[in-house]
Amino acid sequence: MILKQAKEYFELGVITGFSAVRDPLQDRCWMLVIEGKEGRSWTLQTATKIDKSYASLDSLMGEVENIAGRVSSFSIAV
């Protein structure tokens, strides 16, 4: 899912949450998983349909704020 579509889905109420997961292809990087209704999920991608990778959680959270307008809480699972 690209950023524009993620914003549209959020406004429509399709998105229920976000998760940060380790990028399996880039060491020490993160990917943003967008969680939706009915158990659906998508990885945020670039305009060329490549999975986006973030070097820091701060930059990943900035992307969540870009989509949702805010981040009210953040949890870490191991």
N, C-alpha and C. Protein backbone atom coordinates (compact mmCIF):
# COMPACT_ATOMS: atom_id res chain seq x y z
N MET A 1 0.85 -1.17 0.00
CA MET A 1 0.00 0.00 0.00
C MET A 1 0.90 1.23 0.00
N ILE A 2 0.59 2.19 -0.86
CA ILE A 2 1.37 3.42 -0.91
C ILE A 2 0.78 4.45 0.06
N LEU A 3 1.54 5.50 0.33
CA LEU A 3 1.17 6.49 1.33
C LEU A 3 -0.20 7.12 1.05
N LYS A 4 -0.44 7.53 -0.17
CA LYS A 4 -1.72 8.17 -0.52
C LYS A 4 -2.90 7.25 -0.20
N GLN A 5 -2.78 5.98 -0.55
CA GLN A 5 -3.85 5.02 -0.28
C GLN A 5 -4.01 4.81 1.22
N ALA A 6 -2.90 4.78 1.96
CA ALA A 6 -2.97 4.61 3.41
C ALA A 6 -3.73 5.76 4.05
N LYS A 7 -3.48 6.98 3.61
CA LYS A 7 -4.20 8.13 4.14
C LYS A 7 -5.70 8.01 3.85
N GLU A 8 -6.03 7.61 2.62
CA GLU A 8 -7.44 7.44 2.25
C GLU A 8 -8.11 6.36 3.09
N TYR A 9 -7.44 5.22 3.26
CA TYR A 9 -7.99 4.13 4.06
C TYR A 9 -8.18 4.56 5.51
N PHE A 10 -7.23 5.34 6.04
CA PHE A 10 -7.36 5.81 7.42
C PHE A 10 -8.59 6.70 7.56
N GLU A 11 -8.76 7.63 6.63
CA GLU A 11 -9.92 8.53 6.67
C GLU A 11 -11.24 7.77 6.53
N LEU A 12 -11.24 6.66 5.81
CA LEU A 12 -12.44 5.85 5.63
C LEU A 12 -12.70 4.90 6.81
N GLY A 13 -11.75 4.80 7.73
CA GLY A 13 -11.91 3.93 8.89
C GLY A 13 -11.54 2.48 8.63
N VAL A 14 -10.85 2.21 7.53
CA VAL A 14 -10.44 0.85 7.19
C VAL A 14 -9.24 0.41 8.02
N ILE A 15 -8.37 1.35 8.37
CA ILE A 15 -7.16 1.05 9.14
C ILE A 15 -7.48 1.05 10.64
N THR A 16 -7.04 -0.03 11.31
CA THR A 16 -7.29 -0.17 12.74
C THR A 16 -6.04 -0.01 13.59
N GLY A 17 -4.86 -0.04 12.99
CA GLY A 17 -3.63 0.10 13.76
C GLY A 17 -2.40 -0.05 12.89
N PHE A 18 -1.24 0.07 13.54
CA PHE A 18 0.04 -0.01 12.86
C PHE A 18 0.99 -0.87 13.68
N SER A 19 1.92 -1.54 13.01
CA SER A 19 2.96 -2.31 13.69
C SER A 19 4.30 -2.02 13.04
N ALA A 20 5.33 -2.01 13.85
CA ALA A 20 6.69 -1.89 13.36
C ALA A 20 7.33 -3.27 13.45
N VAL A 21 7.87 -3.74 12.33
CA VAL A 21 8.55 -5.05 12.31
C VAL A 21 9.93 -4.89 11.70
N ARG A 22 10.84 -5.73 12.13
CA ARG A 22 12.20 -5.69 11.58
C ARG A 22 12.17 -6.03 10.10
N ASP A 23 12.93 -5.29 9.32
CA ASP A 23 13.07 -5.55 7.90
C ASP A 23 13.98 -6.76 7.73
N PRO A 24 13.48 -7.84 7.14
CA PRO A 24 14.31 -9.04 7.01
C PRO A 24 15.45 -8.89 6.00
N LEU A 25 15.38 -7.87 5.14
CA LEU A 25 16.40 -7.70 4.11
C LEU A 25 17.44 -6.64 4.43
N GLN A 26 17.15 -5.76 5.41
CA GLN A 26 18.09 -4.70 5.76
C GLN A 26 18.34 -4.71 7.26
N ASP A 27 19.56 -4.97 7.62
CA ASP A 27 19.94 -5.06 9.02
C ASP A 27 19.66 -3.75 9.76
N ARG A 28 19.07 -3.85 10.94
CA ARG A 28 18.78 -2.73 11.83
C ARG A 28 17.77 -1.72 11.28
N CYS A 29 16.93 -2.16 10.36
CA CYS A 29 15.90 -1.30 9.80
C CYS A 29 14.52 -1.86 10.14
N TRP A 30 13.50 -1.03 9.94
CA TRP A 30 12.13 -1.36 10.29
C TRP A 30 11.20 -1.19 9.10
N MET A 31 10.10 -1.93 9.12
CA MET A 31 9.05 -1.78 8.12
C MET A 31 7.76 -1.45 8.85
N LEU A 32 6.86 -0.72 8.18
CA LEU A 32 5.58 -0.34 8.76
C LEU A 32 4.49 -1.25 8.21
N VAL A 33 3.84 -1.98 9.10
CA VAL A 33 2.72 -2.83 8.72
C VAL A 33 1.44 -2.11 9.13
N ILE A 34 0.53 -1.99 8.18
CA ILE A 34 -0.74 -1.32 8.41
C ILE A 34 -1.80 -2.39 8.63
N GLU A 35 -2.48 -2.31 9.76
CA GLU A 35 -3.49 -3.32 10.11
C GLU A 35 -4.88 -2.77 9.80
N GLY A 36 -5.70 -3.64 9.21
CA GLY A 36 -7.03 -3.22 8.81
C GLY A 36 -8.11 -4.12 9.36
N LYS A 37 -9.32 -3.79 9.02
CA LYS A 37 -10.48 -4.57 9.44
C LYS A 37 -10.42 -5.96 8.83
N GLU A 38 -11.11 -6.89 9.48
CA GLU A 38 -11.23 -8.28 9.04
C GLU A 38 -9.87 -8.98 8.94
N GLY A 39 -8.90 -8.56 9.78
CA GLY A 39 -7.61 -9.22 9.83
C GLY A 39 -6.69 -8.94 8.66
N ARG A 40 -7.03 -7.98 7.84
CA ARG A 40 -6.18 -7.64 6.70
C ARG A 40 -4.98 -6.83 7.16
N SER A 41 -3.90 -6.92 6.41
CA SER A 41 -2.72 -6.10 6.70
C SER A 41 -1.95 -5.84 5.40
N TRP A 42 -1.23 -4.72 5.42
CA TRP A 42 -0.43 -4.31 4.27
C TRP A 42 0.89 -3.75 4.78
N THR A 43 1.91 -3.82 3.95
CA THR A 43 3.18 -3.17 4.24
C THR A 43 3.20 -1.86 3.46
N LEU A 44 3.62 -0.78 4.11
CA LEU A 44 3.71 0.50 3.42
C LEU A 44 4.81 0.39 2.37
N GLN A 45 4.50 0.86 1.16
CA GLN A 45 5.42 0.75 0.04
C GLN A 45 5.71 2.10 -0.60
N THR A 46 6.77 2.14 -1.38
CA THR A 46 7.09 3.33 -2.16
C THR A 46 6.15 3.39 -3.36
N ALA A 47 6.22 4.49 -4.11
CA ALA A 47 5.39 4.64 -5.30
C ALA A 47 5.69 3.57 -6.35
N THR A 48 6.88 2.98 -6.28
CA THR A 48 7.26 1.92 -7.23
C THR A 48 6.98 0.52 -6.67
N LYS A 49 6.16 0.47 -5.61
CA LYS A 49 5.70 -0.79 -5.00
C LYS A 49 6.81 -1.61 -4.33
N ILE A 50 7.82 -0.91 -3.80
CA ILE A 50 8.88 -1.58 -3.03
C ILE A 50 8.60 -1.29 -1.56
N ASP A 51 8.72 -2.32 -0.70
CA ASP A 51 8.49 -2.12 0.73
C ASP A 51 9.41 -1.03 1.27
N LYS A 52 8.82 -0.06 2.00
CA LYS A 52 9.61 1.01 2.60
C LYS A 52 10.34 0.49 3.83
N SER A 53 11.55 0.96 4.02
CA SER A 53 12.36 0.56 5.15
C SER A 53 12.82 1.82 5.88
N TYR A 54 12.79 1.78 7.21
CA TYR A 54 13.12 2.94 8.04
C TYR A 54 14.32 2.61 8.91
N ALA A 55 15.29 3.53 8.92
CA ALA A 55 16.51 3.32 9.70
C ALA A 55 16.28 3.53 11.19
N SER A 56 15.20 4.24 11.54
CA SER A 56 14.93 4.47 12.97
C SER A 56 13.43 4.38 13.24
N LEU A 57 13.10 4.09 14.48
CA LEU A 57 11.69 4.08 14.87
C LEU A 57 11.12 5.49 14.86
N ASP A 58 11.96 6.47 15.08
CA ASP A 58 11.51 7.86 15.03
C ASP A 58 10.99 8.22 13.63
N SER A 59 11.70 7.81 12.61
CA SER A 59 11.24 8.10 11.24
C SER A 59 9.99 7.29 10.91
N LEU A 60 9.90 6.07 11.42
CA LEU A 60 8.70 5.25 11.20
C LEU A 60 7.50 5.88 11.88
N MET A 61 7.67 6.38 13.11
CA MET A 61 6.57 7.04 13.81
C MET A 61 6.15 8.32 13.10
N GLY A 62 7.09 9.02 12.49
CA GLY A 62 6.77 10.19 11.71
C GLY A 62 5.86 9.84 10.54
N GLU A 63 6.09 8.69 9.94
CA GLU A 63 5.25 8.23 8.83
C GLU A 63 3.84 7.90 9.33
N VAL A 64 3.75 7.28 10.52
CA VAL A 64 2.43 6.99 11.10
C VAL A 64 1.68 8.30 11.34
N GLU A 65 2.38 9.30 11.89
CA GLU A 65 1.75 10.60 12.11
C GLU A 65 1.33 11.25 10.79
N ASN A 66 2.09 11.02 9.75
CA ASN A 66 1.75 11.54 8.43
C ASN A 66 0.44 10.91 7.92
N ILE A 67 0.23 9.65 8.24
CA ILE A 67 -0.98 8.95 7.80
C ILE A 67 -2.16 9.27 8.72
N ALA A 68 -1.93 9.13 10.03
CA ALA A 68 -3.03 9.21 11.00
C ALA A 68 -3.18 10.58 11.66
N GLY A 69 -2.18 11.42 11.52
CA GLY A 69 -2.25 12.74 12.15
C GLY A 69 -1.74 12.77 13.57
N ARG A 70 -1.57 11.61 14.19
CA ARG A 70 -1.10 11.56 15.58
C ARG A 70 -0.71 10.13 15.95
N VAL A 71 0.06 10.01 17.02
CA VAL A 71 0.36 8.71 17.63
C VAL A 71 0.01 8.86 19.09
N SER A 72 -0.97 8.08 19.57
CA SER A 72 -1.41 8.22 20.95
C SER A 72 -0.66 7.29 21.90
N SER A 73 -0.16 6.17 21.40
CA SER A 73 0.62 5.27 22.22
C SER A 73 1.49 4.37 21.33
N PHE A 74 2.46 3.76 21.97
CA PHE A 74 3.39 2.91 21.24
C PHE A 74 3.78 1.76 22.15
N SER A 75 3.67 0.53 21.69
CA SER A 75 4.00 -0.65 22.50
C SER A 75 5.10 -1.44 21.83
N ILE A 76 5.89 -2.12 22.63
CA ILE A 76 6.98 -2.96 22.12
C ILE A 76 6.76 -4.38 22.60
N ALA A 77 6.74 -5.31 21.65
CA ALA A 77 6.62 -6.74 21.99
C ALA A 77 7.92 -7.44 21.61
N VAL A 78 8.31 -8.41 22.41
CA VAL A 78 9.53 -9.16 22.10
C VAL A 78 9.22 -10.60 21.82
